[in-house]
């Protein structure tokens, strides 16, 4: 019997060499095919607008070397005779590697679609972006949970018993992490009810800023002064939120006063002057303008109008223009703005029923 026919661990050297050749050939072929396909897909994606070729290139790039090695070992195992337990172990390892690689592929695909959707829809539909971001995390969680159950089933665990045990243990875990679960359900409430979305300007108590990210546990807001504010989702929903991102038009109220020596007929014409000034702006809808009250040192007027563009800068530009026009109009009409004054009248009059005294007060007589 020559060397090539001598059994070695149940197989001849020729079979072991064949298995090694299959292993190396499988690895080399996988690598060559992957590199060639990736290059062709990248070249093809530059000439087309479809995103499927980009996804295919991404998935090939995310194919891990451990997965390829396990598949190559599994393919090489058919060239030799192995013990039943070892053969079964290789098969289980191949299945587990496939499940792990499926999780990597699935997570990459979910991230790919979410990122593309965010880039396309952020300026058009910020609510949809918020929703798909949260459901992307839920999709990954469901994917990996399913793959974990399948992996445990292939390892021989009683999945039904395990799930029942997890259900009982889950109650204890839920009690221990109820604050985290509260934030998680608050996140789902934000996603489904949409009290605000990414890009909205919020005022929460003494804090204000633009929503940057709605996470599973926290919501992050960029304040006007530049720092990032982090709110717990549960605490945020329990607060009174003023969402300026949903403002359709801005209501503006401004007051001013004129001096008391203004004639009544001139005071009667002041509301009409203000309305005429406001109607000169296309984005303004006048609500009312009235002589409001007799103030301590002025005749007080109040005006209410609406700006169709809710942007704060637009409102301030219009209010500035209105103030300047009002100053010029009052200057032409010789109307004076009032400022806080106090008049003290000294005429020497005594209170009613008491005699008027002049000079020093006499001392009381003594008895």
Protein backbone atom coordinates (compact mmCIF):
# COMPACT_ATOMS: atom_id res chain seq x y z
CA UNK A 1 0.00 0.00 0.00
CA UNK A 2 1.53 3.32 -1.06
CA UNK A 3 1.38 6.64 0.80
CA UNK A 4 -1.60 8.04 -1.12
CA UNK A 5 -3.76 5.09 -0.14
CA UNK A 6 -2.78 5.03 3.55
CA UNK A 7 -5.80 6.07 5.71
CA UNK A 8 -5.24 9.15 7.85
CA UNK A 9 -8.05 9.98 10.30
CA UNK A 10 -10.41 7.96 8.15
CA UNK A 11 -9.38 9.52 4.82
CA UNK A 12 -6.50 9.08 2.43
CA UNK A 13 -4.01 11.93 1.90
CA UNK A 14 -5.46 12.36 -1.56
CA UNK A 15 -8.88 13.16 -0.07
CA UNK A 16 -7.34 15.57 2.45
CA UNK A 17 -5.51 17.35 -0.36
CA UNK A 18 -8.72 17.46 -2.35
CA UNK A 19 -10.53 19.00 0.63
CA UNK A 20 -7.75 21.56 1.07
CA UNK A 21 -7.92 22.39 -2.62
CA UNK A 22 -11.69 22.85 -2.43
CA UNK A 23 -11.21 25.11 0.61
CA UNK A 24 -8.62 27.32 -1.09
CA UNK A 25 -10.46 27.33 -4.41
CA UNK A 26 -13.71 28.35 -2.74
CA UNK A 27 -12.04 31.23 -0.90
CA UNK A 28 -10.19 32.43 -4.01
CA UNK A 29 -13.27 32.17 -6.22
CA UNK A 30 -15.43 34.03 -3.70
CA UNK A 31 -12.87 36.82 -3.42
CA UNK A 32 -12.33 37.14 -7.15
CA UNK A 33 -16.03 37.09 -7.95
CA UNK A 34 -16.79 39.61 -5.20
CA UNK A 35 -14.07 42.03 -6.31
CA UNK A 36 -15.02 41.79 -10.00
CA UNK A 37 -18.74 42.18 -9.28
CA UNK A 38 -18.16 45.13 -6.94
CA UNK A 39 -16.06 46.96 -9.55
CA UNK A 40 -18.62 46.36 -12.28
CA UNK A 41 -21.48 47.43 -10.02
CA UNK A 42 -19.67 50.63 -9.06
CA UNK A 43 -19.04 51.44 -12.70
CA UNK A 44 -22.63 50.62 -13.58
CA UNK A 45 -24.06 52.69 -10.71
CA UNK A 46 -22.24 55.79 -11.97
CA UNK A 47 -24.14 55.52 -15.26
CA UNK A 48 -27.60 54.88 -13.81
CA UNK A 49 -29.97 56.49 -11.33
CA UNK A 50 -31.22 53.26 -9.78
CA UNK A 51 -30.13 52.49 -6.23
CA UNK A 52 -30.39 48.69 -6.40
CA UNK A 53 -26.88 48.39 -7.83
CA UNK A 54 -25.58 50.56 -4.97
CA UNK A 55 -27.31 48.25 -2.49
CA UNK A 56 -25.86 45.13 -4.14
CA UNK A 57 -22.37 46.64 -4.06
CA UNK A 58 -22.82 47.54 -0.38
CA UNK A 59 -23.97 44.02 0.56
CA UNK A 60 -21.05 42.42 -1.26
CA UNK A 61 -18.69 44.78 0.52
CA UNK A 62 -20.24 43.83 3.87
CA UNK A 63 -19.70 40.11 3.28
CA UNK A 64 -17.29 39.13 6.01
CA UNK A 65 -14.22 36.90 5.70
CA UNK A 66 -15.31 34.63 8.62
CA UNK A 67 -18.54 33.83 6.78
CA UNK A 68 -16.64 32.96 3.58
CA UNK A 69 -14.19 30.78 5.50
CA UNK A 70 -16.97 28.81 7.23
CA UNK A 71 -18.76 28.29 3.91
CA UNK A 72 -15.49 27.13 2.33
CA UNK A 73 -14.92 24.66 5.18
CA UNK A 74 -18.47 23.38 4.81
CA UNK A 75 -17.96 22.88 1.05
CA UNK A 76 -14.62 21.13 1.63
CA UNK A 77 -16.16 18.77 4.20
CA UNK A 78 -18.02 16.97 1.40
CA UNK A 79 -14.68 15.80 -0.01
CA UNK A 80 -13.81 13.76 3.10
CA UNK A 81 -15.52 11.43 5.49
CA UNK A 82 -15.86 12.99 8.93
CA UNK A 83 -17.32 11.76 12.22
CA UNK A 84 -21.02 12.39 12.56
CA UNK A 85 -20.57 14.86 15.41
CA UNK A 86 -17.87 16.82 13.58
CA UNK A 87 -19.93 16.89 10.41
CA UNK A 88 -22.93 18.08 12.36
CA UNK A 89 -20.80 20.74 14.08
CA UNK A 90 -19.57 22.06 10.75
CA UNK A 91 -23.14 22.21 9.44
CA UNK A 92 -24.33 24.07 12.55
CA UNK A 93 -21.38 26.48 12.30
CA UNK A 94 -22.25 27.13 8.66
CA UNK A 95 -25.87 27.86 9.58
CA UNK A 96 -24.83 30.19 12.42
CA UNK A 97 -22.40 31.99 10.13
CA UNK A 98 -25.14 32.38 7.53
CA UNK A 99 -27.55 33.78 10.16
CA UNK A 100 -24.93 36.23 11.42
CA UNK A 101 -24.13 37.32 7.87
CA UNK A 102 -27.85 37.68 7.17
CA UNK A 103 -28.08 40.03 10.16
CA UNK A 104 -25.20 42.11 8.81
CA UNK A 105 -26.80 42.22 5.35
CA UNK A 106 -30.22 43.05 6.73
CA UNK A 107 -28.93 45.80 9.02
CA UNK A 108 -26.91 47.32 6.18
CA UNK A 109 -29.95 47.24 3.89
CA UNK A 110 -32.17 48.91 6.50
CA UNK A 111 -29.56 51.63 7.11
CA UNK A 112 -29.12 52.09 3.34
CA UNK A 113 -32.82 52.64 2.68
CA UNK A 114 -33.32 54.86 5.74
CA UNK A 115 -30.35 57.05 4.87
CA UNK A 116 -31.53 57.43 1.30
CA UNK A 117 -35.08 58.20 2.41
CA UNK A 118 -33.82 60.82 4.88
CA UNK A 119 -31.77 62.56 2.21
CA UNK A 120 -34.70 62.65 -0.21
CA UNK A 121 -37.52 63.55 2.18
CA UNK A 122 -35.96 65.72 4.90
CA UNK A 123 -36.87 68.96 3.16
CA UNK A 124 -40.24 67.68 1.94
CA UNK A 125 -41.73 65.64 4.78
CA UNK A 126 -39.88 65.86 8.09
CA UNK A 127 -42.63 63.87 9.85
CA UNK A 128 -41.98 60.85 7.62
CA UNK A 129 -38.24 61.13 8.34
CA UNK A 130 -38.87 61.00 12.08
CA UNK A 131 -41.14 57.98 11.70
CA UNK A 132 -38.85 55.97 9.43
CA UNK A 133 -35.84 56.65 11.67
CA UNK A 134 -37.57 55.16 14.69
CA UNK A 135 -39.01 52.22 12.77
CA UNK A 136 -35.57 51.54 11.34
CA UNK A 137 -34.32 50.77 14.85
CA UNK A 138 -37.37 48.61 15.50
CA UNK A 139 -36.77 46.76 12.22
CA UNK A 140 -33.17 45.97 13.20
CA UNK A 141 -34.31 44.83 16.64
CA UNK A 142 -36.88 42.47 15.14
CA UNK A 143 -34.35 41.18 12.59
CA UNK A 144 -31.67 40.32 15.13
CA UNK A 145 -34.22 38.89 17.59
CA UNK A 146 -35.53 36.53 14.89
CA UNK A 147 -32.03 35.48 13.88
CA UNK A 148 -31.10 34.85 17.52
CA UNK A 149 -34.13 32.57 17.98
CA UNK A 150 -33.22 30.67 14.81
CA UNK A 151 -29.63 30.31 16.00
CA UNK A 152 -30.73 28.97 19.37
CA UNK A 153 -33.07 26.54 17.64
CA UNK A 154 -30.19 25.22 15.50
CA UNK A 155 -28.07 24.79 18.63
CA UNK A 156 -30.69 22.46 20.06
CA UNK A 157 -32.38 24.72 22.58
CA UNK A 158 -36.11 24.39 23.26
CA UNK A 159 -37.20 27.68 21.85
CA UNK A 160 -40.77 27.47 23.17
CA UNK A 161 -39.57 26.86 26.72
CA UNK A 162 -36.99 29.62 26.36
CA UNK A 163 -39.58 32.10 25.14
CA UNK A 164 -41.86 31.21 28.05
CA UNK A 165 -39.00 31.75 30.48
CA UNK A 166 -38.13 35.02 28.85
CA UNK A 167 -41.75 36.12 29.23
CA UNK A 168 -41.65 35.56 32.98
CA UNK A 169 -38.21 37.10 33.33
CA UNK A 170 -39.25 39.98 31.12
CA UNK A 171 -41.74 41.13 33.75
CA UNK A 172 -38.99 41.43 36.35
CA UNK A 173 -36.72 43.20 33.88
CA UNK A 174 -39.53 45.58 32.92
CA UNK A 175 -40.01 46.55 36.58
CA UNK A 176 -36.28 47.14 36.96
CA UNK A 177 -35.95 49.31 33.85
CA UNK A 178 -39.36 50.97 33.86
CA UNK A 179 -37.83 54.42 33.36
CA UNK A 180 -36.06 53.24 30.21
CA UNK A 181 -39.23 51.54 29.00
CA UNK A 182 -41.15 54.74 29.72
CA UNK A 183 -38.79 56.64 27.44
CA UNK A 184 -39.10 53.89 24.83
CA UNK A 185 -42.90 54.08 24.76
CA UNK A 186 -42.68 57.87 24.79
CA UNK A 187 -40.49 57.60 21.70
CA UNK A 188 -43.13 55.46 20.01
CA UNK A 189 -45.74 58.03 21.01
CA UNK A 190 -43.68 60.79 19.41
CA UNK A 191 -43.33 58.72 16.25
CA UNK A 192 -47.01 57.84 15.98
CA UNK A 193 -48.66 61.01 17.32
CA UNK A 194 -46.04 63.41 15.86
CA UNK A 195 -46.29 66.35 18.32
CA UNK A 196 -43.07 67.55 16.67
CA UNK A 197 -40.65 66.39 14.00
CA UNK A 198 -37.04 66.99 13.06
CA UNK A 199 -36.55 70.64 12.14
CA UNK A 200 -39.35 72.06 14.32
CA UNK A 201 -38.56 74.96 16.65
CA UNK A 202 -39.73 74.15 20.18
CA UNK A 203 -40.04 76.08 23.41
CA UNK A 204 -40.04 73.78 26.45
CA UNK A 205 -40.21 75.70 29.69
CA UNK A 206 -37.25 78.06 29.75
CA UNK A 207 -35.46 76.25 26.92
CA UNK A 208 -35.86 76.65 23.18
CA UNK A 209 -34.24 75.31 20.04
CA UNK A 210 -34.56 73.24 16.86
CA UNK A 211 -35.15 69.48 16.98
CA UNK A 212 -32.10 67.63 15.64
CA UNK A 213 -32.76 64.00 16.53
CA UNK A 214 -35.57 61.93 18.01
CA UNK A 215 -33.96 58.88 19.59
CA UNK A 216 -35.25 55.85 21.45
CA UNK A 217 -34.58 57.36 24.88
CA UNK A 218 -33.85 61.05 24.32
CA UNK A 219 -34.67 63.91 22.00
CA UNK A 220 -31.87 66.32 21.13
CA UNK A 221 -32.48 70.01 20.47
CA UNK A 222 -30.00 72.59 19.23
CA UNK A 223 -30.52 75.80 21.22
CA UNK A 224 -30.24 79.33 19.82
CA UNK A 225 -26.96 79.87 21.67
CA UNK A 226 -25.43 76.80 20.01
CA UNK A 227 -25.34 74.14 22.71
CA UNK A 228 -27.25 70.87 22.43
CA UNK A 229 -30.13 70.25 24.83
CA UNK A 230 -30.95 66.62 25.64
CA UNK A 231 -34.46 65.83 26.91
CA UNK A 232 -35.75 62.50 28.14
CA UNK A 233 -38.66 61.52 25.89
CA UNK A 234 -40.95 60.81 28.84
CA UNK A 235 -40.13 64.14 30.53
CA UNK A 236 -40.51 65.97 27.25
CA UNK A 237 -44.02 64.65 26.63
CA UNK A 238 -45.03 65.55 30.19
CA UNK A 239 -43.98 69.17 29.59
CA UNK A 240 -45.90 71.95 27.89
CA UNK A 241 -44.40 72.18 24.41
CA UNK A 242 -44.80 75.22 22.20
CA UNK A 243 -44.15 74.10 18.64
CA UNK A 244 -43.39 77.08 16.42
CA UNK A 245 -42.71 74.73 13.52
CA UNK A 246 -46.47 74.20 13.18
CA UNK A 247 -47.23 77.93 13.15
CA UNK A 248 -49.17 78.85 10.01
CA UNK A 249 -49.18 82.60 10.62
CA UNK A 250 -47.80 84.80 13.36
CA UNK A 251 -50.06 87.01 15.48
CA UNK A 252 -48.48 90.31 16.44
CA UNK A 253 -49.68 92.81 19.07
CA UNK A 254 -48.05 96.17 19.54
CA UNK A 255 -49.01 99.16 21.68
CA UNK A 256 -48.03 102.80 21.79
CA UNK A 257 -49.21 105.96 23.49
CA UNK A 258 -49.64 109.61 22.51
CA UNK A 259 -49.69 112.66 24.74
CA UNK A 260 -52.84 113.85 26.49
CA UNK A 261 -52.82 117.14 24.60
CA UNK A 262 -53.71 115.28 21.38
CA UNK A 263 -57.11 116.57 20.10
CA UNK A 264 -59.99 114.04 20.05
CA UNK A 265 -60.46 114.23 16.27
CA UNK A 266 -56.76 113.48 15.74
CA UNK A 267 -56.88 110.58 18.21
CA UNK A 268 -59.87 109.23 16.28
CA UNK A 269 -57.83 109.15 13.05
CA UNK A 270 -54.80 107.34 14.54
CA UNK A 271 -56.23 103.75 14.20
CA UNK A 272 -56.93 104.42 10.51
CA UNK A 273 -53.36 105.67 10.06
CA UNK A 274 -52.01 102.44 11.54
CA UNK A 275 -54.30 100.28 9.35
CA UNK A 276 -53.17 102.13 6.22
CA UNK A 277 -49.52 101.56 7.13
CA UNK A 278 -50.08 97.84 7.77
CA UNK A 279 -52.04 97.34 4.54
CA UNK A 280 -48.98 98.54 2.65
CA UNK A 281 -47.32 95.18 3.39
CA UNK A 282 -48.41 92.19 1.29
CA UNK A 283 -47.75 89.59 4.00
CA UNK A 284 -49.85 91.39 6.64
CA UNK A 285 -53.51 90.79 7.50
CA UNK A 286 -54.92 93.48 9.78
CA UNK A 287 -57.15 92.34 12.62
CA UNK A 288 -57.91 95.51 14.59
CA UNK A 289 -56.53 98.85 15.79
CA UNK A 290 -58.21 100.82 18.62
CA UNK A 291 -57.87 103.61 21.11
CA UNK A 292 -57.50 101.25 24.03
CA UNK A 293 -57.46 103.20 27.29
CA UNK A 294 -56.55 106.31 29.24
CA UNK A 295 -53.17 105.50 30.71
CA UNK A 296 -51.36 107.18 33.56
CA UNK A 297 -49.39 109.40 31.21
CA UNK A 298 -50.69 108.62 27.70
CA UNK A 299 -53.62 107.87 25.45
CA UNK A 300 -52.99 104.19 24.78
CA UNK A 301 -53.56 102.48 21.42
CA UNK A 302 -53.41 98.76 20.64
CA UNK A 303 -53.07 97.08 17.24
CA UNK A 304 -53.30 93.40 16.28
CA UNK A 305 -52.25 91.99 12.92
CA UNK A 306 -51.17 88.66 11.40
CA UNK A 307 -48.10 87.88 9.30
CA UNK A 308 -48.63 85.10 6.74
CA UNK A 309 -44.96 84.05 6.96
CA UNK A 310 -44.38 82.64 10.48
CA UNK A 311 -40.61 83.24 10.34
CA UNK A 312 -39.54 85.45 13.24
CA UNK A 313 -37.14 87.49 11.12
CA UNK A 314 -39.94 88.31 8.67
CA UNK A 315 -42.16 89.50 11.52
CA UNK A 316 -39.39 91.69 12.95
CA UNK A 317 -38.65 93.22 9.54
CA UNK A 318 -42.31 94.13 9.12
CA UNK A 319 -42.63 95.49 12.66
CA UNK A 320 -39.53 97.64 12.15
CA UNK A 321 -40.93 99.04 8.89
CA UNK A 322 -44.28 99.74 10.57
CA UNK A 323 -42.60 101.56 13.46
CA UNK A 324 -40.57 103.77 11.12
CA UNK A 325 -43.60 104.56 8.94
CA UNK A 326 -45.61 105.42 12.05
CA UNK A 327 -42.90 107.79 13.28
CA UNK A 328 -42.84 109.60 9.92
CA UNK A 329 -46.65 109.82 9.80
CA UNK A 330 -46.85 111.20 13.33
CA UNK A 331 -44.15 113.73 12.51
CA UNK A 332 -46.20 114.96 9.52
CA UNK A 333 -49.38 115.10 11.62
CA UNK A 334 -47.56 116.79 14.56
CA UNK A 335 -48.57 113.98 16.89
CA UNK A 336 -46.25 113.31 19.80
CA UNK A 337 -45.52 109.94 21.34
CA UNK A 338 -46.00 109.90 25.08
CA UNK A 339 -43.44 108.93 27.64
CA UNK A 340 -43.89 108.42 31.39
CA UNK A 341 -44.47 111.79 33.08
CA UNK A 342 -45.92 113.02 36.38
CA UNK A 343 -47.49 116.45 36.95
CA UNK A 344 -47.54 117.90 40.50
CA UNK A 345 -49.93 120.81 41.02
CA UNK A 346 -49.21 123.20 43.92
CA UNK A 347 -51.97 125.79 44.29
CA UNK A 348 -52.13 126.12 48.12
CA UNK A 349 -55.72 124.86 48.38
CA UNK A 350 -56.83 123.30 51.68
CA UNK A 351 -58.99 120.19 51.84
CA UNK A 352 -62.73 120.85 51.71
CA UNK A 353 -64.19 121.90 55.12
CA UNK A 354 -60.89 123.20 56.60
CA UNK A 355 -59.81 126.84 56.72
CA UNK A 356 -56.92 127.91 54.57
CA UNK A 357 -53.89 128.92 56.64
CA UNK A 358 -51.13 131.23 55.61
CA UNK A 359 -47.89 131.56 57.49
CA UNK A 360 -46.68 129.48 60.45
CA UNK A 361 -49.14 127.25 62.24
CA UNK A 362 -49.98 128.66 65.73
CA UNK A 363 -49.08 126.63 68.74
CA UNK A 364 -51.97 125.04 70.64
CA UNK A 365 -53.07 126.97 73.72
CA UNK A 366 -52.37 125.57 77.13
CA UNK A 367 -54.99 125.47 79.87
